[in-house]
Amino acid sequence: EVEKHMVFALQINEAKYDSEGNIIRPFMEMEDIDEKFKFER
């Protein structure tokens, strides 16, 4: 079905980790997402 219809998605996975492999979250509101995440057909 996805080949018959134009559907796009932006999937935001985890972006940053510390030296021990723990996820890092921003303590302030971000104005933009990490640039590596893009909309994809």
Full PDB file with SEQRES, HELIX, SHEET, SSBOND, CRYST1, ORIGX, SCALE, CONECT and MASTER records, all heavy atoms in Angstrom:
SEQRES   1 A   41  GLU VAL GLU LYS HIS MET VAL PHE ALA LEU GLN ILE ASN          
SEQRES   2 A   41  GLU ALA LYS TYR ASP SER GLU GLY ASN ILE ILE ARG PRO          
SEQRES   3 A   41  PHE MET GLU MET GLU ASP ILE ASP GLU LYS PHE LYS PHE          
SEQRES   4 A   41  GLU ARG                                                      
CRYST1    1.000    1.000    1.000  90.00  90.00  90.00 P 1           1          
ORIGX1      1.000000  0.000000  0.000000        0.00000                         
ORIGX2      0.000000  1.000000  0.000000        0.00000                         
ORIGX3      0.000000  0.000000  1.000000        0.00000                         
SCALE1      1.000000  0.000000  0.000000        0.00000                         
SCALE2      0.000000  1.000000  0.000000        0.00000                         
SCALE3      0.000000  0.000000  1.000000        0.00000                         
ATOM      1  N   GLU A   1       0.810  -1.216   0.000  1.00  0.00           N  
ATOM      2  CA  GLU A   1       0.000   0.000   0.000  1.00  0.00           C  
ATOM      3  C   GLU A   1       0.848   1.274   0.000  1.00  0.00           C  
ATOM      4  O   GLU A   1       0.457   2.281  -0.584  1.00  0.00           O  
ATOM      5  CB  GLU A   1      -0.931   0.006   1.215  1.00  0.00           C  
ATOM      6  CG  GLU A   1      -2.077  -0.983   1.127  1.00  0.00           C  
ATOM      7  CD  GLU A   1      -2.990  -0.680  -0.042  1.00  0.00           C  
ATOM      8  OE1 GLU A   1      -3.562   0.429  -0.079  1.00  0.00           O  
ATOM      9  OE2 GLU A   1      -3.132  -1.557  -0.923  1.00  0.00           O  
ATOM     10  N   VAL A   2       1.998   1.255   0.668  1.00  0.00           N  
ATOM     11  CA  VAL A   2       2.820   2.476   0.706  1.00  0.00           C  
ATOM     12  C   VAL A   2       3.354   2.841  -0.672  1.00  0.00           C  
ATOM     13  O   VAL A   2       3.716   4.005  -0.917  1.00  0.00           O  
ATOM     14  CB  VAL A   2       4.000   2.351   1.707  1.00  0.00           C  
ATOM     15  CG1 VAL A   2       3.482   2.242   3.126  1.00  0.00           C  
ATOM     16  CG2 VAL A   2       4.902   1.158   1.364  1.00  0.00           C  
ATOM     17  N   GLU A   3       3.407   1.868  -1.576  1.00  0.00           N  
ATOM     18  CA  GLU A   3       3.854   2.162  -2.937  1.00  0.00           C  
ATOM     19  C   GLU A   3       2.757   2.833  -3.760  1.00  0.00           C  
ATOM     20  O   GLU A   3       3.033   3.472  -4.773  1.00  0.00           O  
ATOM     21  CB  GLU A   3       4.307   0.868  -3.635  1.00  0.00           C  
ATOM     22  CG  GLU A   3       5.512   0.199  -3.002  1.00  0.00           C  
ATOM     23  CD  GLU A   3       6.791   1.028  -3.162  1.00  0.00           C  
ATOM     24  OE1 GLU A   3       6.815   1.941  -4.000  1.00  0.00           O  
ATOM     25  OE2 GLU A   3       7.768   0.729  -2.446  1.00  0.00           O  
ATOM     26  N   LYS A   4       1.521   2.708  -3.311  1.00  0.00           N  
ATOM     27  CA  LYS A   4       0.392   3.279  -4.044  1.00  0.00           C  
ATOM     28  C   LYS A   4       0.037   4.686  -3.584  1.00  0.00           C  
ATOM     29  O   LYS A   4      -0.699   5.399  -4.273  1.00  0.00           O  
ATOM     30  CB  LYS A   4      -0.844   2.387  -3.884  1.00  0.00           C  
ATOM     31  CG  LYS A   4      -0.666   0.944  -4.321  1.00  0.00           C  
ATOM     32  CD  LYS A   4      -1.929   0.157  -4.006  1.00  0.00           C  
ATOM     33  CE  LYS A   4      -1.760  -1.323  -4.290  1.00  0.00           C  
ATOM     34  NZ  LYS A   4      -2.978  -2.095  -3.911  1.00  0.00           N  
ATOM     35  N   HIS A   5       0.528   5.087  -2.427  1.00  0.00           N  
ATOM     36  CA  HIS A   5       0.130   6.360  -1.840  1.00  0.00           C  
ATOM     37  C   HIS A   5       1.358   7.150  -1.397  1.00  0.00           C  
ATOM     38  O   HIS A   5       2.377   6.573  -0.995  1.00  0.00           O  
ATOM     39  CB  HIS A   5      -0.796   6.126  -0.644  1.00  0.00           C  
ATOM     40  CG  HIS A   5      -1.972   5.276  -0.970  1.00  0.00           C  
ATOM     41  ND1 HIS A   5      -3.104   5.764  -1.575  1.00  0.00           N  
ATOM     42  CD2 HIS A   5      -2.184   3.944  -0.782  1.00  0.00           C  
ATOM     43  CE1 HIS A   5      -3.975   4.786  -1.752  1.00  0.00           C  
ATOM     44  NE2 HIS A   5      -3.443   3.674  -1.281  1.00  0.00           N  
ATOM     45  N   MET A   6       1.251   8.481  -1.446  1.00  0.00           N  
ATOM     46  CA  MET A   6       2.355   9.344  -1.048  1.00  0.00           C  
ATOM     47  C   MET A   6       2.273   9.612   0.450  1.00  0.00           C  
ATOM     48  O   MET A   6       1.486  10.456   0.907  1.00  0.00           O  
ATOM     49  CB  MET A   6       2.327  10.652  -1.831  1.00  0.00           C  
ATOM     50  CG  MET A   6       2.632  10.487  -3.307  1.00  0.00           C  
ATOM     51  SD  MET A   6       2.826  12.070  -4.156  1.00  0.00           S  
ATOM     52  CE  MET A   6       4.346  12.657  -3.403  1.00  0.00           C  
ATOM     53  N   VAL A   7       3.053   8.867   1.210  1.00  0.00           N  
ATOM     54  CA  VAL A   7       3.089   9.062   2.660  1.00  0.00           C  
ATOM     55  C   VAL A   7       4.535   9.326   3.090  1.00  0.00           C  
ATOM     56  O   VAL A   7       5.483   8.711   2.575  1.00  0.00           O  
ATOM     57  CB  VAL A   7       2.504   7.854   3.416  1.00  0.00           C  
ATOM     58  CG1 VAL A   7       1.025   7.727   3.131  1.00  0.00           C  
ATOM     59  CG2 VAL A   7       3.223   6.574   3.059  1.00  0.00           C  
ATOM     60  N   PHE A   8       4.678  10.244   4.026  1.00  0.00           N  
ATOM     61  CA  PHE A   8       5.996  10.662   4.493  1.00  0.00           C  
ATOM     62  C   PHE A   8       6.019  10.600   6.021  1.00  0.00           C  
ATOM     63  O   PHE A   8       4.990  10.745   6.676  1.00  0.00           O  
ATOM     64  CB  PHE A   8       6.296  12.096   4.043  1.00  0.00           C  
ATOM     65  CG  PHE A   8       6.265  12.292   2.557  1.00  0.00           C  
ATOM     66  CD1 PHE A   8       5.057  12.490   1.894  1.00  0.00           C  
ATOM     67  CD2 PHE A   8       7.439  12.280   1.818  1.00  0.00           C  
ATOM     68  CE1 PHE A   8       5.019  12.679   0.520  1.00  0.00           C  
ATOM     69  CE2 PHE A   8       7.408  12.457   0.442  1.00  0.00           C  
ATOM     70  CZ  PHE A   8       6.195  12.656  -0.207  1.00  0.00           C  
ATOM     71  N   ALA A   9       7.202  10.404   6.561  1.00  0.00           N  
ATOM     72  CA  ALA A   9       7.317  10.362   8.017  1.00  0.00           C  
ATOM     73  C   ALA A   9       8.655  10.937   8.463  1.00  0.00           C  
ATOM     74  O   ALA A   9       9.668  10.824   7.762  1.00  0.00           O  
ATOM     75  CB  ALA A   9       7.169   8.936   8.539  1.00  0.00           C  
ATOM     76  N   LEU A  10       8.605  11.567   9.622  1.00  0.00           N  
ATOM     77  CA  LEU A  10       9.816  12.039  10.293  1.00  0.00           C  
ATOM     78  C   LEU A  10       9.902  11.283  11.607  1.00  0.00           C  
ATOM     79  O   LEU A  10       9.066  11.461  12.488  1.00  0.00           O  
ATOM     80  CB  LEU A  10       9.718  13.547  10.556  1.00  0.00           C  
ATOM     81  CG  LEU A  10      10.775  14.158  11.483  1.00  0.00           C  
ATOM     82  CD1 LEU A  10      12.172  13.958  10.920  1.00  0.00           C  
ATOM     83  CD2 LEU A  10      10.494  15.630  11.715  1.00  0.00           C  
ATOM     84  N   GLN A  11      10.876  10.402  11.711  1.00  0.00           N  
ATOM     85  CA  GLN A  11      11.042   9.593  12.916  1.00  0.00           C  
ATOM     86  C   GLN A  11      12.209  10.143  13.735  1.00  0.00           C  
ATOM     87  O   GLN A  11      13.348  10.158  13.262  1.00  0.00           O  
ATOM     88  CB  GLN A  11      11.288   8.136  12.559  1.00  0.00           C  
ATOM     89  CG  GLN A  11      11.395   7.224  13.768  1.00  0.00           C  
ATOM     90  CD  GLN A  11      11.085   5.781  13.427  1.00  0.00           C  
ATOM     91  OE1 GLN A  11       9.951   5.409  13.165  1.00  0.00           O  
ATOM     92  NE2 GLN A  11      12.107   4.953  13.408  1.00  0.00           N  
ATOM     93  N   ILE A  12      11.923  10.576  14.961  1.00  0.00           N  
ATOM     94  CA  ILE A  12      12.951  11.178  15.797  1.00  0.00           C  
ATOM     95  C   ILE A  12      13.433  10.140  16.798  1.00  0.00           C  
ATOM     96  O   ILE A  12      12.774   9.873  17.807  1.00  0.00           O  
ATOM     97  CB  ILE A  12      12.396  12.414  16.538  1.00  0.00           C  
ATOM     98  CG1 ILE A  12      11.653  13.330  15.566  1.00  0.00           C  
ATOM     99  CG2 ILE A  12      13.532  13.184  17.205  1.00  0.00           C  
ATOM    100  CD1 ILE A  12      10.922  14.452  16.254  1.00  0.00           C  
ATOM    101  N   ASN A  13      14.557   9.561  16.526  1.00  0.00           N  
ATOM    102  CA  ASN A  13      15.141   8.581  17.429  1.00  0.00           C  
ATOM    103  C   ASN A  13      16.015   9.284  18.464  1.00  0.00           C  
ATOM    104  O   ASN A  13      16.063  10.513  18.535  1.00  0.00           O  
ATOM    105  CB  ASN A  13      15.957   7.560  16.624  1.00  0.00           C  
ATOM    106  CG  ASN A  13      15.086   6.762  15.670  1.00  0.00           C  
ATOM    107  OD1 ASN A  13      13.997   6.319  16.043  1.00  0.00           O  
ATOM    108  ND2 ASN A  13      15.537   6.586  14.447  1.00  0.00           N  
ATOM    109  N   GLU A  14      16.722   8.506  19.266  1.00  0.00           N  
ATOM    110  CA  GLU A  14      17.583   9.114  20.268  1.00  0.00           C  
ATOM    111  C   GLU A  14      18.787   9.766  19.595  1.00  0.00           C  
ATOM    112  O   GLU A  14      19.367   9.217  18.650  1.00  0.00           O  
ATOM    113  CB  GLU A  14      18.044   8.071  21.281  1.00  0.00           C  
ATOM    114  CG  GLU A  14      16.898   7.378  22.016  1.00  0.00           C  
ATOM    115  CD  GLU A  14      16.029   8.334  22.825  1.00  0.00           C  
ATOM    116  OE1 GLU A  14      16.240   9.563  22.772  1.00  0.00           O  
ATOM    117  OE2 GLU A  14      15.125   7.845  23.516  1.00  0.00           O  
ATOM    118  N   ALA A  15      19.179  10.938  20.091  1.00  0.00           N  
ATOM    119  CA  ALA A  15      20.221  11.713  19.428  1.00  0.00           C  
ATOM    120  C   ALA A  15      21.541  11.754  20.190  1.00  0.00           C  
ATOM    121  O   ALA A  15      22.612  11.737  19.587  1.00  0.00           O  
ATOM    122  CB  ALA A  15      19.729  13.147  19.190  1.00  0.00           C  
ATOM    123  N   LYS A  16      21.479  11.811  21.535  1.00  0.00           N  
ATOM    124  CA  LYS A  16      22.713  12.014  22.291  1.00  0.00           C  
ATOM    125  C   LYS A  16      22.816  11.042  23.468  1.00  0.00           C  
ATOM    126  O   LYS A  16      21.830  10.749  24.131  1.00  0.00           O  
ATOM    127  CB  LYS A  16      22.781  13.455  22.796  1.00  0.00           C  
ATOM    128  CG  LYS A  16      22.858  14.496  21.685  1.00  0.00           C  
ATOM    129  CD  LYS A  16      22.978  15.905  22.246  1.00  0.00           C  
ATOM    130  CE  LYS A  16      23.065  16.924  21.117  1.00  0.00           C  
ATOM    131  NZ  LYS A  16      23.192  18.306  21.641  1.00  0.00           N  
ATOM    132  N   TYR A  17      24.047  10.591  23.721  1.00  0.00           N  
ATOM    133  CA  TYR A  17      24.344   9.675  24.819  1.00  0.00           C  
ATOM    134  C   TYR A  17      25.582  10.172  25.566  1.00  0.00           C  
ATOM    135  O   TYR A  17      26.448  10.839  24.984  1.00  0.00           O  
ATOM    136  CB  TYR A  17      24.612   8.266  24.291  1.00  0.00           C  
ATOM    137  CG  TYR A  17      23.447   7.616  23.598  1.00  0.00           C  
ATOM    138  CD1 TYR A  17      23.169   7.875  22.262  1.00  0.00           C  
ATOM    139  CD2 TYR A  17      22.619   6.728  24.281  1.00  0.00           C  
ATOM    140  CE1 TYR A  17      22.093   7.276  21.614  1.00  0.00           C  
ATOM    141  CE2 TYR A  17      21.546   6.113  23.638  1.00  0.00           C  
ATOM    142  CZ  TYR A  17      21.295   6.390  22.311  1.00  0.00           C  
ATOM    143  OH  TYR A  17      20.232   5.789  21.667  1.00  0.00           O  
ATOM    144  N   ASP A  18      25.656   9.825  26.849  1.00  0.00           N  
ATOM    145  CA  ASP A  18      26.865  10.159  27.594  1.00  0.00           C  
ATOM    146  C   ASP A  18      27.901   9.044  27.426  1.00  0.00           C  
ATOM    147  O   ASP A  18      27.686   8.080  26.682  1.00  0.00           O  
ATOM    148  CB  ASP A  18      26.549  10.419  29.077  1.00  0.00           C  
ATOM    149  CG  ASP A  18      26.012   9.181  29.806  1.00  0.00           C  
ATOM    150  OD1 ASP A  18      26.192   8.050  29.307  1.00  0.00           O  
ATOM    151  OD2 ASP A  18      25.395   9.355  30.879  1.00  0.00           O  
ATOM    152  N   SER A  19      29.046   9.173  28.101  1.00  0.00           N  
ATOM    153  CA  SER A  19      30.149   8.225  27.932  1.00  0.00           C  
ATOM    154  C   SER A  19      29.809   6.826  28.411  1.00  0.00           C  
ATOM    155  O   SER A  19      30.474   5.853  28.038  1.00  0.00           O  
ATOM    156  CB  SER A  19      31.386   8.732  28.677  1.00  0.00           C  
ATOM    157  OG  SER A  19      31.104   8.880  30.063  1.00  0.00           O  
ATOM    158  N   GLU A  20      28.751   6.700  29.253  1.00  0.00           N  
ATOM    159  CA  GLU A  20      28.338   5.399  29.759  1.00  0.00           C  
ATOM    160  C   GLU A  20      27.191   4.798  28.957  1.00  0.00           C  
ATOM    161  O   GLU A  20      26.663   3.743  29.300  1.00  0.00           O  
ATOM    162  CB  GLU A  20      27.933   5.521  31.231  1.00  0.00           C  
ATOM    163  CG  GLU A  20      29.076   5.965  32.144  1.00  0.00           C  
ATOM    164  CD  GLU A  20      28.615   6.128  33.578  1.00  0.00           C  
ATOM    165  OE1 GLU A  20      27.426   5.885  33.869  1.00  0.00           O  
ATOM    166  OE2 GLU A  20      29.452   6.503  34.414  1.00  0.00           O  
ATOM    167  N   GLY A  21      26.802   5.486  27.895  1.00  0.00           N  
ATOM    168  CA  GLY A  21      25.729   4.985  27.047  1.00  0.00           C  
ATOM    169  C   GLY A  21      24.338   5.364  27.492  1.00  0.00           C  
ATOM    170  O   GLY A  21      23.345   4.839  26.972  1.00  0.00           O  
ATOM    171  N   ASN A  22      24.223   6.270  28.468  1.00  0.00           N  
ATOM    172  CA  ASN A  22      22.911   6.735  28.927  1.00  0.00           C  
ATOM    173  C   ASN A  22      22.421   7.876  28.043  1.00  0.00           C  
ATOM    174  O   ASN A  22      23.215   8.730  27.616  1.00  0.00           O  
ATOM    175  CB  ASN A  22      23.002   7.228  30.376  1.00  0.00           C  
ATOM    176  CG  ASN A  22      23.456   6.143  31.327  1.00  0.00           C  
ATOM    177  OD1 ASN A  22      22.877   5.064  31.364  1.00  0.00           O  
ATOM    178  ND2 ASN A  22      24.507   6.420  32.088  1.00  0.00           N  
ATOM    179  N   ILE A  23      21.140   7.899  27.778  1.00  0.00           N  
ATOM    180  CA  ILE A  23      20.548   8.938  26.950  1.00  0.00           C  
ATOM    181  C   ILE A  23      20.663  10.297  27.637  1.00  0.00           C  
ATOM    182  O   ILE A  23      20.532  10.410  28.850  1.00  0.00           O  
ATOM    183  CB  ILE A  23      19.075   8.607  26.662  1.00  0.00           C  
ATOM    184  CG1 ILE A  23      18.993   7.397  25.732  1.00  0.00           C  
ATOM    185  CG2 ILE A  23      18.334   9.791  26.058  1.00  0.00           C  
ATOM    186  CD1 ILE A  23      17.601   6.809  25.613  1.00  0.00           C  
ATOM    187  N   ILE A  24      20.895  11.327  26.843  1.00  0.00           N  
ATOM    188  CA  ILE A  24      20.954  12.703  27.341  1.00  0.00           C  
ATOM    189  C   ILE A  24      19.781  13.480  26.775  1.00  0.00           C  
ATOM    190  O   ILE A  24      19.550  13.475  25.567  1.00  0.00           O  
ATOM    191  CB  ILE A  24      22.272  13.386  26.927  1.00  0.00           C  
ATOM    192  CG1 ILE A  24      23.466  12.674  27.563  1.00  0.00           C  
ATOM    193  CG2 ILE A  24      22.265  14.857  27.316  1.00  0.00           C  
ATOM    194  CD1 ILE A  24      24.805  13.219  27.105  1.00  0.00           C  
ATOM    195  N   ARG A  25      19.030  14.127  27.656  1.00  0.00           N  
ATOM    196  CA  ARG A  25      17.915  14.974  27.238  1.00  0.00           C  
ATOM    197  C   ARG A  25      18.259  16.452  27.498  1.00  0.00           C  
ATOM    198  O   ARG A  25      18.965  16.761  28.461  1.00  0.00           O  
ATOM    199  CB  ARG A  25      16.650  14.627  28.019  1.00  0.00           C  
ATOM    200  CG  ARG A  25      16.167  13.198  27.821  1.00  0.00           C  
ATOM    201  CD  ARG A  25      15.204  13.105  26.682  1.00  0.00           C  
ATOM    202  NE  ARG A  25      14.652  11.762  26.579  1.00  0.00           N  
ATOM    203  CZ  ARG A  25      14.788  10.981  25.520  1.00  0.00           C  
ATOM    204  NH1 ARG A  25      15.447  11.414  24.462  1.00  0.00           N  
ATOM    205  NH2 ARG A  25      14.259   9.776  25.497  1.00  0.00           N  
ATOM    206  N   PRO A  26      17.743  17.375  26.682  1.00  0.00           N  
ATOM    207  CA  PRO A  26      17.980  18.801  26.923  1.00  0.00           C  
ATOM    208  C   PRO A  26      17.142  19.292  28.107  1.00  0.00           C  
ATOM    209  O   PRO A  26      15.967  18.963  28.220  1.00  0.00           O  
ATOM    210  CB  PRO A  26      17.525  19.455  25.617  1.00  0.00           C  
ATOM    211  CG  PRO A  26      16.500  18.512  25.062  1.00  0.00           C  
ATOM    212  CD  PRO A  26      16.956  17.135  25.454  1.00  0.00           C  
ATOM    213  N   PHE A  27      17.742  20.084  28.984  1.00  0.00           N  
ATOM    214  CA  PHE A  27      17.012  20.575  30.144  1.00  0.00           C  
ATOM    215  C   PHE A  27      16.169  21.804  29.805  1.00  0.00           C  
ATOM    216  O   PHE A  27      15.321  22.225  30.590  1.00  0.00           O  
ATOM    217  CB  PHE A  27      17.976  20.898  31.299  1.00  0.00           C  
ATOM    218  CG  PHE A  27      18.874  22.070  31.062  1.00  0.00           C  
ATOM    219  CD1 PHE A  27      18.461  23.359  31.412  1.00  0.00           C  
ATOM    220  CD2 PHE A  27      20.127  21.906  30.516  1.00  0.00           C  
ATOM    221  CE1 PHE A  27      19.288  24.444  31.207  1.00  0.00           C  
ATOM    222  CE2 PHE A  27      20.966  22.985  30.310  1.00  0.00           C  
ATOM    223  CZ  PHE A  27      20.548  24.257  30.654  1.00  0.00           C  
ATOM    224  N   MET A  28      16.396  22.376  28.607  1.00  0.00           N  
ATOM    225  CA  MET A  28      15.615  23.516  28.141  1.00  0.00           C  
ATOM    226  C   MET A  28      14.880  23.143  26.851  1.00  0.00           C  
ATOM    227  O   MET A  28      15.250  22.183  26.171  1.00  0.00           O  
ATOM    228  CB  MET A  28      16.520  24.729  27.887  1.00  0.00           C  
ATOM    229  CG  MET A  28      17.207  25.261  29.121  1.00  0.00           C  
ATOM    230  SD  MET A  28      18.294  26.673  28.761  1.00  0.00           S  
ATOM    231  CE  MET A  28      17.092  27.877  28.168  1.00  0.00           C  
ATOM    232  N   GLU A  29      13.860  23.909  26.534  1.00  0.00           N  
ATOM    233  CA  GLU A  29      13.107  23.667  25.307  1.00  0.00           C  
ATOM    234  C   GLU A  29      13.978  23.966  24.090  1.00  0.00           C  
ATOM    235  O   GLU A  29      14.570  25.040  23.984  1.00  0.00           O  
ATOM    236  CB  GLU A  29      11.854  24.547  25.297  1.00  0.00           C  
ATOM    237  CG  GLU A  29      10.876  24.203  26.419  1.00  0.00           C  
ATOM    238  CD  GLU A  29       9.849  25.295  26.652  1.00  0.00           C  
ATOM    239  OE1 GLU A  29      10.090  26.428  26.194  1.00  0.00           O  
ATOM    240  OE2 GLU A  29       8.829  25.014  27.305  1.00  0.00           O  
ATOM    241  N   MET A  30      14.050  23.033  23.168  1.00  0.00           N  
ATOM    242  CA  MET A  30      14.851  23.193  21.962  1.00  0.00           C  
ATOM    243  C   MET A  30      14.045  23.912  20.879  1.00  0.00           C  
ATOM    244  O   MET A  30      12.843  23.696  20.739  1.00  0.00           O  
ATOM    245  CB  MET A  30      15.314  21.829  21.450  1.00  0.00           C  
ATOM    246  CG  MET A  30      16.265  21.099  22.383  1.00  0.00           C  
ATOM    247  SD  MET A  30      16.745  19.467  21.732  1.00  0.00           S  
ATOM    248  CE  MET A  30      17.620  19.952  20.229  1.00  0.00           C  
ATOM    249  N   GLU A  31      14.725  24.739  20.110  1.00  0.00           N  
ATOM    250  CA  GLU A  31      14.071  25.455  19.018  1.00  0.00           C  
ATOM    251  C   GLU A  31      13.983  24.606  17.757  1.00  0.00           C  
ATOM    252  O   GLU A  31      13.183  24.890  16.869  1.00  0.00           O  
ATOM    253  CB  GLU A  31      14.819  26.756  18.722  1.00  0.00           C  
ATOM    254  CG  GLU A  31      14.683  27.801  19.817  1.00  0.00           C  
ATOM    255  CD  GLU A  31      13.231  28.229  20.046  1.00  0.00           C  
ATOM    256  OE1 GLU A  31      12.477  28.330  19.049  1.00  0.00           O  
ATOM    257  OE2 GLU A  31      12.864  28.462  21.212  1.00  0.00           O  
ATOM    258  N   ASP A  32      14.812  23.558  17.680  1.00  0.00           N  
ATOM    259  CA  ASP A  32      14.789  22.695  16.500  1.00  0.00           C  
ATOM    260  C   ASP A  32      15.254  21.293  16.907  1.00  0.00           C  
ATOM    261  O   ASP A  32      15.908  21.122  17.936  1.00  0.00           O  
ATOM    262  CB  ASP A  32      15.708  23.249  15.413  1.00  0.00           C  
ATOM    263  CG  ASP A  32      15.345  22.745  14.021  1.00  0.00           C  
ATOM    264  OD1 ASP A  32      14.450  21.873  13.908  1.00  0.00           O  
ATOM    265  OD2 ASP A  32      15.952  23.218  13.043  1.00  0.00           O  
ATOM    266  N   ILE A  33      14.924  20.319  16.076  1.00  0.00           N  
ATOM    267  CA  ILE A  33      15.379  18.953  16.332  1.00  0.00           C  
ATOM    268  C   ILE A  33      16.795  18.779  15.775  1.00  0.00           C  
ATOM    269  O   ILE A  33      17.293  19.635  15.034  1.00  0.00           O  
ATOM    270  CB  ILE A  33      14.431  17.918  15.697  1.00  0.00           C  
ATOM    271  CG1 ILE A  33      14.359  18.119  14.172  1.00  0.00           C  
ATOM    272  CG2 ILE A  33      13.047  18.011  16.329  1.00  0.00           C  
ATOM    273  CD1 ILE A  33      13.594  17.044  13.452  1.00  0.00           C  
ATOM    274  N   ASP A  34      17.424  17.676  16.123  1.00  0.00           N  
ATOM    275  CA  ASP A  34      18.750  17.370  15.589  1.00  0.00           C  
ATOM    276  C   ASP A  34      18.682  17.304  14.061  1.00  0.00           C  
ATOM    277  O   ASP A  34      17.766  16.711  13.489  1.00  0.00           O  
ATOM    278  CB  ASP A  34      19.233  16.028  16.154  1.00  0.00           C  
ATOM    279  CG  ASP A  34      20.700  15.776  15.885  1.00  0.00           C  
ATOM    280  OD1 ASP A  34      21.046  15.530  14.702  1.00  0.00           O  
ATOM    281  OD2 ASP A  34      21.490  15.817  16.829  1.00  0.00           O  
ATOM    282  N   GLU A  35      19.658  17.912  13.410  1.00  0.00           N  
ATOM    283  CA  GLU A  35      19.624  18.038  11.950  1.00  0.00           C  
ATOM    284  C   GLU A  35      19.701  16.709  11.207  1.00  0.00           C  
ATOM    285  O   GLU A  35      19.396  16.646  10.007  1.00  0.00           O  
ATOM    286  CB  GLU A  35      20.761  18.943  11.487  1.00  0.00           C  
ATOM    287  CG  GLU A  35      22.145  18.412  11.798  1.00  0.00           C  
ATOM    288  CD  GLU A  35      23.249  19.353  11.355  1.00  0.00           C  
ATOM    289  OE1 GLU A  35      22.932  20.497  10.968  1.00  0.00           O  
ATOM    290  OE2 GLU A  35      24.417  18.942  11.380  1.00  0.00           O  
ATOM    291  N   LYS A  36      20.091  15.647  11.890  1.00  0.00           N  
ATOM    292  CA  LYS A  36      20.199  14.357  11.194  1.00  0.00           C  
ATOM    293  C   LYS A  36      18.839  13.708  10.936  1.00  0.00           C  
ATOM    294  O   LYS A  36      18.736  12.751  10.169  1.00  0.00           O  
ATOM    295  CB  LYS A  36      21.090  13.394  11.969  1.00  0.00           C  
ATOM    296  CG  LYS A  36      20.542  12.934  13.307  1.00  0.00           C  
ATOM    297  CD  LYS A  36      21.558  12.050  14.022  1.00  0.00           C  
ATOM    298  CE  LYS A  36      21.087  11.627  15.390  1.00  0.00           C  
ATOM    299  NZ  LYS A  36      22.106  10.828  16.109  1.00  0.00           N  
ATOM    300  N   PHE A  37      17.788  14.216  11.570  1.00  0.00           N  
ATOM    301  CA  PHE A  37      16.459  13.654  11.376  1.00  0.00           C  
ATOM    302  C   PHE A  37      15.730  14.410  10.264  1.00  0.00           C  
ATOM    303  O   PHE A  37      15.581  15.635  10.329  1.00  0.00           O  
ATOM    304  CB  PHE A  37      15.655  13.704  12.666  1.00  0.00           C  
ATOM    305  CG  PHE A  37      16.297  12.950  13.804  1.00  0.00           C  
ATOM    306  CD1 PHE A  37      16.551  13.566  15.010  1.00  0.00           C  
ATOM    307  CD2 PHE A  37      16.648  11.618  13.650  1.00  0.00           C  
ATOM    308  CE1 PHE A  37      17.154  12.874  16.051  1.00  0.00           C  
ATOM    309  CE2 PHE A  37      17.249  10.913  14.683  1.00  0.00           C  
ATOM    310  CZ  PHE A  37      17.500  11.549  15.887  1.00  0.00           C  
ATOM    311  N   LYS A  38      15.268  13.690   9.254  1.00  0.00           N  
ATOM    312  CA  LYS A  38      14.625  14.288   8.082  1.00  0.00           C  
ATOM    313  C   LYS A  38      13.324  13.555   7.745  1.00  0.00           C  
ATOM    314  O   LYS A  38      13.168  12.374   8.053  1.00  0.00           O  
ATOM    315  CB  LYS A  38      15.552  14.206   6.862  1.00  0.00           C  
ATOM    316  CG  LYS A  38      16.963  14.708   7.084  1.00  0.00           C  
ATOM    317  CD  LYS A  38      17.032  16.208   7.174  1.00  0.00           C  
ATOM    318  CE  LYS A  38      18.493  16.668   7.267  1.00  0.00           C  
ATOM    319  NZ  LYS A  38      18.595  18.143   7.419  1.00  0.00           N  
ATOM    320  N   PHE A  39      12.410  14.271   7.081  1.00  0.00           N  
ATOM    321  CA  PHE A  39      11.236  13.611   6.525  1.00  0.00           C  
ATOM    322  C   PHE A  39      11.685  12.674   5.412  1.00  0.00           C  
ATOM    323  O   PHE A  39      12.598  12.988   4.646  1.00  0.00           O  
ATOM    324  CB  PHE A  39      10.243  14.632   5.969  1.00  0.00           C  
ATOM    325  CG  PHE A  39       9.265  15.149   6.982  1.00  0.00           C  
ATOM    326  CD1 PHE A  39       9.443  16.398   7.553  1.00  0.00           C  
ATOM    327  CD2 PHE A  39       8.181  14.388   7.372  1.00  0.00           C  
ATOM    328  CE1 PHE A  39       8.550  16.879   8.490  1.00  0.00           C  
ATOM    329  CE2 PHE A  39       7.273  14.854   8.301  1.00  0.00           C  
ATOM    330  CZ  PHE A  39       7.462  16.108   8.868  1.00  0.00           C  
ATOM    331  N   GLU A  40      11.023  11.533   5.327  1.00  0.00           N  
ATOM    332  CA  GLU A  40      11.390  10.520   4.337  1.00  0.00           C  
ATOM    333  C   GLU A  40      10.141   9.962   3.684  1.00  0.00           C  
ATOM    334  O   GLU A  40       9.132   9.740   4.344  1.00  0.00           O  
ATOM    335  CB  GLU A  40      12.171   9.398   5.031  1.00  0.00           C  
ATOM    336  CG  GLU A  40      12.686   8.322   4.101  1.00  0.00           C  
ATOM    337  CD  GLU A  40      13.513   7.280   4.834  1.00  0.00           C  
ATOM    338  OE1 GLU A  40      13.232   7.010   6.031  1.00  0.00           O  
ATOM    339  OE2 GLU A  40      14.439   6.718   4.212  1.00  0.00           O  
ATOM    340  N   ARG A  41      10.205   9.775   2.378  1.00  0.00           N  
ATOM    341  CA  ARG A  41       9.107   9.107   1.671  1.00  0.00           C  
ATOM    342  C   ARG A  41       9.092   7.639   2.098  1.00  0.00           C  
ATOM    343  O   ARG A  41      10.112   6.951   2.065  1.00  0.00           O  
ATOM    344  CB  ARG A  41       9.314   9.216   0.158  1.00  0.00           C  
ATOM    345  CG  ARG A  41       8.341   8.374  -0.681  1.00  0.00           C  
ATOM    346  CD  ARG A  41       6.983   8.987  -0.761  1.00  0.00           C  
ATOM    347  NE  ARG A  41       6.040   8.128  -1.457  1.00  0.00           N  
ATOM    348  CZ  ARG A  41       5.815   8.155  -2.774  1.00  0.00           C  
ATOM    349  NH1 ARG A  41       6.501   9.000  -3.544  1.00  0.00           N  
ATOM    350  NH2 ARG A  41       4.915   7.364  -3.301  1.00  0.00           N  
TER     351      ARG A  41                                                      
MASTER        0    0    0    0    0    0    0    6  350    1    0    4          
END                                                                             
